[in-house]
Amino acid sequence: MIIGYTTGVYDMFHIGHLNILRRAKELCDFLIVGVSTDDLVQKDKNKTPIIPFEDRVKIIEAIRYVDKVVPQCDKNKFAAWERYKFNKMFVGSDWKGTEVWNKFEEEFKSIGVEIIYLEHTDGISSTILREKITK
């Protein structure tokens, strides 16, 4: 069985989020999705999500492509692998070639976890939606 893992904030759920989850599920048998906690988003992005953590979890749980939802309390992907033992980790293509993801590729290569970059949906993001709301 191929276990996949991906994470995100999933604030103001939109078609880009759905596309990532659908594409990830096409490449694994069991998809685990980490939803960033409000505290992590505040610490990492200096933003408070518009949709509270508990509601974002319920939204992700309701999506047919998702088999399990877990909280993402930190960005330690290796600790997540130790907990969930996934074979593939999915991330948007906009992260490919970045210093942090190059490091993850090196770390995970030694344990046989494949990092797969899924095509980013252009023209939509929670940041874009947030800007539209505040105009």
N, C-alpha and C. Protein backbone atom coordinates (compact mmCIF):
# COMPACT_ATOMS: atom_id res chain seq x y z
N MET A 1 0.84 -1.18 0.00
CA MET A 1 0.00 0.00 0.00
C MET A 1 0.88 1.25 0.00
N ILE A 2 0.58 2.18 -0.87
CA ILE A 2 1.32 3.44 -0.94
C ILE A 2 0.59 4.48 -0.10
N ILE A 3 1.30 4.98 0.92
CA ILE A 3 0.75 6.00 1.80
C ILE A 3 1.33 7.34 1.40
N GLY A 4 0.45 8.30 1.15
CA GLY A 4 0.86 9.64 0.78
C GLY A 4 0.61 10.61 1.91
N TYR A 5 1.37 11.69 1.90
CA TYR A 5 1.26 12.72 2.94
C TYR A 5 1.43 14.09 2.31
N THR A 6 0.56 15.00 2.70
CA THR A 6 0.69 16.39 2.29
C THR A 6 0.17 17.27 3.41
N THR A 7 0.55 18.52 3.37
CA THR A 7 0.12 19.44 4.42
C THR A 7 -0.28 20.77 3.82
N GLY A 8 -1.00 21.53 4.61
CA GLY A 8 -1.36 22.87 4.20
C GLY A 8 -2.16 23.57 5.27
N VAL A 9 -2.38 24.84 5.05
CA VAL A 9 -3.23 25.61 5.96
C VAL A 9 -4.69 25.37 5.57
N TYR A 10 -4.97 25.39 4.29
CA TYR A 10 -6.31 25.19 3.75
C TYR A 10 -7.29 26.24 4.25
N ASP A 11 -6.81 27.47 4.39
CA ASP A 11 -7.67 28.57 4.78
C ASP A 11 -8.46 29.01 3.55
N MET A 12 -9.69 29.33 3.72
CA MET A 12 -10.57 29.74 2.62
C MET A 12 -10.42 28.73 1.47
N PHE A 13 -10.82 27.50 1.73
CA PHE A 13 -10.63 26.39 0.79
C PHE A 13 -11.05 26.80 -0.62
N HIS A 14 -10.18 26.50 -1.59
CA HIS A 14 -10.42 26.90 -2.97
C HIS A 14 -9.99 25.79 -3.94
N ILE A 15 -10.17 26.01 -5.23
CA ILE A 15 -9.92 25.00 -6.25
C ILE A 15 -8.45 24.55 -6.27
N GLY A 16 -7.52 25.41 -5.95
CA GLY A 16 -6.12 25.01 -5.89
C GLY A 16 -5.89 23.95 -4.82
N HIS A 17 -6.54 24.12 -3.67
CA HIS A 17 -6.46 23.11 -2.61
C HIS A 17 -7.04 21.78 -3.10
N LEU A 18 -8.21 21.85 -3.72
CA LEU A 18 -8.86 20.64 -4.21
C LEU A 18 -7.99 19.94 -5.25
N ASN A 19 -7.39 20.71 -6.14
CA ASN A 19 -6.54 20.11 -7.18
C ASN A 19 -5.36 19.36 -6.57
N ILE A 20 -4.71 19.94 -5.57
CA ILE A 20 -3.57 19.27 -4.92
C ILE A 20 -4.03 17.96 -4.29
N LEU A 21 -5.14 17.99 -3.55
CA LEU A 21 -5.61 16.78 -2.87
C LEU A 21 -6.03 15.70 -3.88
N ARG A 22 -6.69 16.10 -4.94
CA ARG A 22 -7.10 15.13 -5.97
C ARG A 22 -5.89 14.50 -6.65
N ARG A 23 -4.93 15.33 -7.04
CA ARG A 23 -3.74 14.81 -7.71
C ARG A 23 -2.92 13.91 -6.79
N ALA A 24 -2.83 14.28 -5.52
CA ALA A 24 -2.10 13.45 -4.55
C ALA A 24 -2.77 12.08 -4.42
N LYS A 25 -4.08 12.08 -4.30
CA LYS A 25 -4.81 10.82 -4.12
C LYS A 25 -4.66 9.91 -5.34
N GLU A 26 -4.53 10.49 -6.51
CA GLU A 26 -4.33 9.70 -7.72
C GLU A 26 -3.02 8.92 -7.68
N LEU A 27 -2.07 9.37 -6.84
CA LEU A 27 -0.74 8.78 -6.80
C LEU A 27 -0.46 7.95 -5.54
N CYS A 28 -1.50 7.69 -4.76
CA CYS A 28 -1.32 6.86 -3.57
C CYS A 28 -2.63 6.13 -3.25
N ASP A 29 -2.51 5.15 -2.36
CA ASP A 29 -3.69 4.39 -1.95
C ASP A 29 -4.38 5.00 -0.74
N PHE A 30 -3.60 5.65 0.11
CA PHE A 30 -4.11 6.19 1.38
C PHE A 30 -3.46 7.55 1.56
N LEU A 31 -4.29 8.60 1.63
CA LEU A 31 -3.76 9.97 1.71
C LEU A 31 -3.99 10.55 3.10
N ILE A 32 -2.88 10.93 3.73
CA ILE A 32 -2.91 11.60 5.02
C ILE A 32 -2.66 13.09 4.77
N VAL A 33 -3.51 13.93 5.34
CA VAL A 33 -3.38 15.37 5.15
C VAL A 33 -3.17 16.05 6.50
N GLY A 34 -2.06 16.75 6.61
CA GLY A 34 -1.78 17.55 7.80
C GLY A 34 -2.33 18.94 7.61
N VAL A 35 -3.16 19.37 8.56
CA VAL A 35 -3.72 20.72 8.53
C VAL A 35 -2.97 21.55 9.57
N SER A 36 -2.40 22.66 9.13
CA SER A 36 -1.63 23.52 10.03
C SER A 36 -2.52 24.10 11.11
N THR A 37 -2.04 24.04 12.34
CA THR A 37 -2.78 24.63 13.46
C THR A 37 -2.74 26.15 13.36
N ASP A 38 -3.67 26.80 14.03
CA ASP A 38 -3.69 28.26 14.05
C ASP A 38 -2.38 28.81 14.61
N ASP A 39 -1.86 28.16 15.67
CA ASP A 39 -0.61 28.62 16.27
C ASP A 39 0.55 28.54 15.29
N LEU A 40 0.62 27.45 14.52
CA LEU A 40 1.70 27.30 13.55
C LEU A 40 1.60 28.37 12.46
N VAL A 41 0.39 28.63 11.99
CA VAL A 41 0.21 29.64 10.94
C VAL A 41 0.63 31.02 11.47
N GLN A 42 0.23 31.32 12.69
CA GLN A 42 0.60 32.60 13.28
C GLN A 42 2.12 32.72 13.40
N LYS A 43 2.75 31.65 13.86
CA LYS A 43 4.21 31.65 14.05
C LYS A 43 4.94 31.68 12.70
N ASP A 44 4.48 30.87 11.74
CA ASP A 44 5.18 30.70 10.48
C ASP A 44 4.93 31.83 9.48
N LYS A 45 3.68 32.29 9.40
CA LYS A 45 3.32 33.28 8.39
C LYS A 45 2.93 34.64 8.98
N ASN A 46 2.90 34.70 10.31
CA ASN A 46 2.47 35.91 11.01
C ASN A 46 1.07 36.34 10.57
N LYS A 47 0.20 35.36 10.39
CA LYS A 47 -1.19 35.59 10.00
C LYS A 47 -2.08 34.72 10.87
N THR A 48 -3.28 35.20 11.10
CA THR A 48 -4.30 34.38 11.75
C THR A 48 -5.22 33.88 10.65
N PRO A 49 -5.41 32.56 10.55
CA PRO A 49 -6.32 32.07 9.52
C PRO A 49 -7.73 32.65 9.69
N ILE A 50 -8.39 32.88 8.59
CA ILE A 50 -9.77 33.37 8.63
C ILE A 50 -10.69 32.26 9.13
N ILE A 51 -10.46 31.05 8.66
CA ILE A 51 -11.24 29.89 9.09
C ILE A 51 -10.49 29.21 10.24
N PRO A 52 -11.13 29.02 11.40
CA PRO A 52 -10.44 28.39 12.54
C PRO A 52 -10.01 26.95 12.23
N PHE A 53 -8.97 26.51 12.93
CA PHE A 53 -8.39 25.18 12.73
C PHE A 53 -9.45 24.07 12.73
N GLU A 54 -10.30 24.04 13.74
CA GLU A 54 -11.28 22.95 13.85
C GLU A 54 -12.20 22.90 12.62
N ASP A 55 -12.57 24.05 12.10
CA ASP A 55 -13.42 24.10 10.90
C ASP A 55 -12.64 23.66 9.66
N ARG A 56 -11.38 24.07 9.56
CA ARG A 56 -10.56 23.66 8.42
C ARG A 56 -10.38 22.14 8.41
N VAL A 57 -10.21 21.55 9.60
CA VAL A 57 -10.10 20.09 9.70
C VAL A 57 -11.38 19.43 9.20
N LYS A 58 -12.53 19.94 9.61
CA LYS A 58 -13.82 19.35 9.18
C LYS A 58 -14.00 19.45 7.67
N ILE A 59 -13.56 20.55 7.10
CA ILE A 59 -13.66 20.71 5.64
C ILE A 59 -12.80 19.66 4.94
N ILE A 60 -11.56 19.51 5.38
CA ILE A 60 -10.65 18.55 4.75
C ILE A 60 -11.13 17.12 4.96
N GLU A 61 -11.65 16.81 6.14
CA GLU A 61 -12.18 15.47 6.41
C GLU A 61 -13.33 15.11 5.47
N ALA A 62 -14.07 16.10 5.01
CA ALA A 62 -15.24 15.86 4.17
C ALA A 62 -14.89 15.61 2.70
N ILE A 63 -13.65 15.79 2.33
CA ILE A 63 -13.24 15.63 0.94
C ILE A 63 -12.95 14.17 0.65
N ARG A 64 -13.53 13.65 -0.40
CA ARG A 64 -13.44 12.21 -0.69
C ARG A 64 -12.04 11.71 -0.99
N TYR A 65 -11.14 12.59 -1.36
CA TYR A 65 -9.77 12.17 -1.67
C TYR A 65 -8.93 11.94 -0.42
N VAL A 66 -9.41 12.39 0.71
CA VAL A 66 -8.65 12.38 1.96
C VAL A 66 -9.06 11.19 2.82
N ASP A 67 -8.06 10.41 3.25
CA ASP A 67 -8.34 9.25 4.09
C ASP A 67 -8.15 9.52 5.58
N LYS A 68 -7.26 10.43 5.91
CA LYS A 68 -6.99 10.74 7.31
C LYS A 68 -6.50 12.17 7.42
N VAL A 69 -6.99 12.88 8.43
CA VAL A 69 -6.55 14.25 8.69
C VAL A 69 -5.84 14.28 10.04
N VAL A 70 -4.68 14.95 10.06
CA VAL A 70 -3.89 15.07 11.28
C VAL A 70 -3.49 16.53 11.46
N PRO A 71 -3.27 16.96 12.70
CA PRO A 71 -2.80 18.34 12.88
C PRO A 71 -1.34 18.47 12.49
N GLN A 72 -0.99 19.57 11.87
CA GLN A 72 0.41 19.90 11.63
C GLN A 72 0.78 21.00 12.63
N CYS A 73 1.50 20.60 13.67
CA CYS A 73 1.86 21.53 14.75
C CYS A 73 3.21 22.18 14.53
N ASP A 74 4.01 21.58 13.65
CA ASP A 74 5.32 22.13 13.32
C ASP A 74 5.67 21.69 11.90
N LYS A 75 6.80 22.17 11.40
CA LYS A 75 7.21 21.87 10.03
C LYS A 75 8.22 20.73 9.95
N ASN A 76 8.32 19.93 11.00
CA ASN A 76 9.28 18.84 11.04
C ASN A 76 8.70 17.64 10.26
N LYS A 77 9.01 17.60 8.98
CA LYS A 77 8.47 16.55 8.10
C LYS A 77 9.02 15.17 8.46
N PHE A 78 10.24 15.12 8.96
CA PHE A 78 10.81 13.82 9.33
C PHE A 78 10.09 13.24 10.54
N ALA A 79 9.74 14.09 11.50
CA ALA A 79 8.95 13.63 12.65
C ALA A 79 7.58 13.13 12.18
N ALA A 80 7.02 13.79 11.19
CA ALA A 80 5.74 13.33 10.63
C ALA A 80 5.92 11.96 10.00
N TRP A 81 7.01 11.76 9.28
CA TRP A 81 7.26 10.44 8.68
C TRP A 81 7.40 9.37 9.77
N GLU A 82 8.07 9.70 10.87
CA GLU A 82 8.21 8.74 11.96
C GLU A 82 6.85 8.35 12.54
N ARG A 83 5.90 9.28 12.54
CA ARG A 83 4.55 9.00 13.05
C ARG A 83 3.70 8.23 12.04
N TYR A 84 3.77 8.61 10.75
CA TYR A 84 2.80 8.11 9.77
C TYR A 84 3.39 7.15 8.74
N LYS A 85 4.69 7.05 8.63
CA LYS A 85 5.37 6.11 7.72
C LYS A 85 4.86 6.18 6.29
N PHE A 86 4.79 7.38 5.75
CA PHE A 86 4.34 7.55 4.37
C PHE A 86 5.45 7.21 3.39
N ASN A 87 5.06 6.83 2.17
CA ASN A 87 5.99 6.50 1.10
C ASN A 87 6.24 7.67 0.15
N LYS A 88 5.24 8.55 0.06
CA LYS A 88 5.33 9.70 -0.85
C LYS A 88 4.86 10.94 -0.10
N MET A 89 5.58 12.04 -0.34
CA MET A 89 5.16 13.31 0.23
C MET A 89 4.88 14.26 -0.93
N PHE A 90 3.73 14.89 -0.87
CA PHE A 90 3.28 15.76 -1.95
C PHE A 90 3.35 17.22 -1.53
N VAL A 91 3.78 18.06 -2.47
CA VAL A 91 3.87 19.50 -2.23
C VAL A 91 3.65 20.21 -3.56
N GLY A 92 3.20 21.44 -3.49
CA GLY A 92 2.97 22.22 -4.71
C GLY A 92 4.26 22.51 -5.45
N SER A 93 4.15 22.58 -6.77
CA SER A 93 5.34 22.79 -7.62
C SER A 93 6.00 24.14 -7.38
N ASP A 94 5.29 25.06 -6.75
CA ASP A 94 5.89 26.36 -6.46
C ASP A 94 7.01 26.26 -5.42
N TRP A 95 7.13 25.11 -4.73
CA TRP A 95 8.19 24.90 -3.75
C TRP A 95 9.42 24.21 -4.34
N LYS A 96 9.29 23.69 -5.56
CA LYS A 96 10.42 22.95 -6.16
C LYS A 96 11.64 23.85 -6.32
N GLY A 97 12.81 23.31 -5.91
CA GLY A 97 14.05 24.03 -6.04
C GLY A 97 14.35 25.00 -4.90
N THR A 98 13.44 25.10 -3.95
CA THR A 98 13.71 25.99 -2.82
C THR A 98 14.68 25.30 -1.86
N GLU A 99 15.37 26.11 -1.09
CA GLU A 99 16.37 25.58 -0.17
C GLU A 99 15.76 24.56 0.80
N VAL A 100 14.61 24.90 1.36
CA VAL A 100 13.99 24.01 2.35
C VAL A 100 13.57 22.68 1.73
N TRP A 101 13.02 22.70 0.53
CA TRP A 101 12.57 21.45 -0.09
C TRP A 101 13.73 20.65 -0.68
N ASN A 102 14.79 21.32 -1.11
CA ASN A 102 16.00 20.59 -1.52
C ASN A 102 16.55 19.81 -0.33
N LYS A 103 16.49 20.42 0.84
CA LYS A 103 16.95 19.75 2.07
C LYS A 103 16.06 18.54 2.38
N PHE A 104 14.75 18.72 2.27
CA PHE A 104 13.83 17.60 2.51
C PHE A 104 14.11 16.45 1.54
N GLU A 105 14.37 16.79 0.27
CA GLU A 105 14.67 15.74 -0.72
C GLU A 105 15.87 14.91 -0.29
N GLU A 106 16.91 15.57 0.18
CA GLU A 106 18.11 14.86 0.64
C GLU A 106 17.80 13.98 1.85
N GLU A 107 17.08 14.52 2.82
CA GLU A 107 16.74 13.77 4.03
C GLU A 107 15.93 12.52 3.71
N PHE A 108 14.95 12.68 2.85
CA PHE A 108 14.02 11.58 2.59
C PHE A 108 14.54 10.55 1.60
N LYS A 109 15.51 10.93 0.78
CA LYS A 109 16.08 10.00 -0.18
C LYS A 109 16.65 8.77 0.53
N SER A 110 17.29 8.99 1.67
CA SER A 110 17.94 7.89 2.40
C SER A 110 16.96 6.87 2.97
N ILE A 111 15.70 7.26 3.14
CA ILE A 111 14.69 6.31 3.67
C ILE A 111 13.69 5.88 2.61
N GLY A 112 13.93 6.29 1.38
CA GLY A 112 13.10 5.83 0.27
C GLY A 112 11.77 6.54 0.11
N VAL A 113 11.63 7.72 0.70
CA VAL A 113 10.39 8.50 0.53
C VAL A 113 10.56 9.40 -0.69
N GLU A 114 9.60 9.32 -1.58
CA GLU A 114 9.62 10.12 -2.80
C GLU A 114 8.88 11.43 -2.56
N ILE A 115 9.50 12.54 -2.90
CA ILE A 115 8.82 13.83 -2.84
C ILE A 115 8.32 14.15 -4.24
N ILE A 116 7.03 14.40 -4.32
CA ILE A 116 6.40 14.66 -5.61
C ILE A 116 5.84 16.08 -5.61
N TYR A 117 6.26 16.84 -6.61
CA TYR A 117 5.80 18.22 -6.76
C TYR A 117 4.59 18.23 -7.68
N LEU A 118 3.46 18.66 -7.15
CA LEU A 118 2.23 18.70 -7.93
C LEU A 118 2.01 20.10 -8.48
N GLU A 119 1.52 20.15 -9.69
CA GLU A 119 1.34 21.42 -10.39
C GLU A 119 0.50 22.39 -9.56
N HIS A 120 1.03 23.58 -9.40
CA HIS A 120 0.34 24.66 -8.68
C HIS A 120 -0.76 25.21 -9.56
N THR A 121 -1.91 25.52 -9.00
CA THR A 121 -3.00 26.14 -9.74
C THR A 121 -2.76 27.64 -9.75
N ASP A 122 -2.43 28.17 -10.91
CA ASP A 122 -2.13 29.59 -11.01
C ASP A 122 -3.38 30.45 -10.82
N GLY A 123 -3.17 31.63 -10.28
CA GLY A 123 -4.24 32.62 -10.18
C GLY A 123 -5.11 32.51 -8.95
N ILE A 124 -4.83 31.55 -8.07
CA ILE A 124 -5.65 31.41 -6.86
C ILE A 124 -4.76 31.02 -5.70
N SER A 125 -5.02 31.64 -4.58
CA SER A 125 -4.37 31.28 -3.32
C SER A 125 -5.18 31.92 -2.21
N SER A 126 -4.97 31.45 -0.99
CA SER A 126 -5.65 32.08 0.14
C SER A 126 -5.19 33.52 0.31
N THR A 127 -3.94 33.80 -0.02
CA THR A 127 -3.43 35.17 0.07
C THR A 127 -4.16 36.07 -0.92
N ILE A 128 -4.37 35.59 -2.15
CA ILE A 128 -5.11 36.36 -3.16
C ILE A 128 -6.54 36.61 -2.68
N LEU A 129 -7.18 35.58 -2.13
CA LEU A 129 -8.55 35.74 -1.63
C LEU A 129 -8.60 36.74 -0.48
N ARG A 130 -7.63 36.65 0.42
CA ARG A 130 -7.57 37.58 1.55
C ARG A 130 -7.45 39.03 1.06
N GLU A 131 -6.61 39.23 0.03
CA GLU A 131 -6.44 40.58 -0.53
C GLU A 131 -7.73 41.08 -1.16
N LYS A 132 -8.46 40.21 -1.83
CA LYS A 132 -9.74 40.60 -2.44
C LYS A 132 -10.76 41.01 -1.38
N ILE A 133 -10.75 40.31 -0.26
CA ILE A 133 -11.70 40.59 0.81
C ILE A 133 -11.41 41.93 1.45
N THR A 134 -10.13 42.26 1.59
CA THR A 134 -9.76 43.49 2.31
C THR A 134 -9.73 44.73 1.42
N LYS A 135 -10.00 44.58 0.13
CA LYS A 135 -10.02 45.76 -0.77
C LYS A 135 -11.30 46.53 -0.61
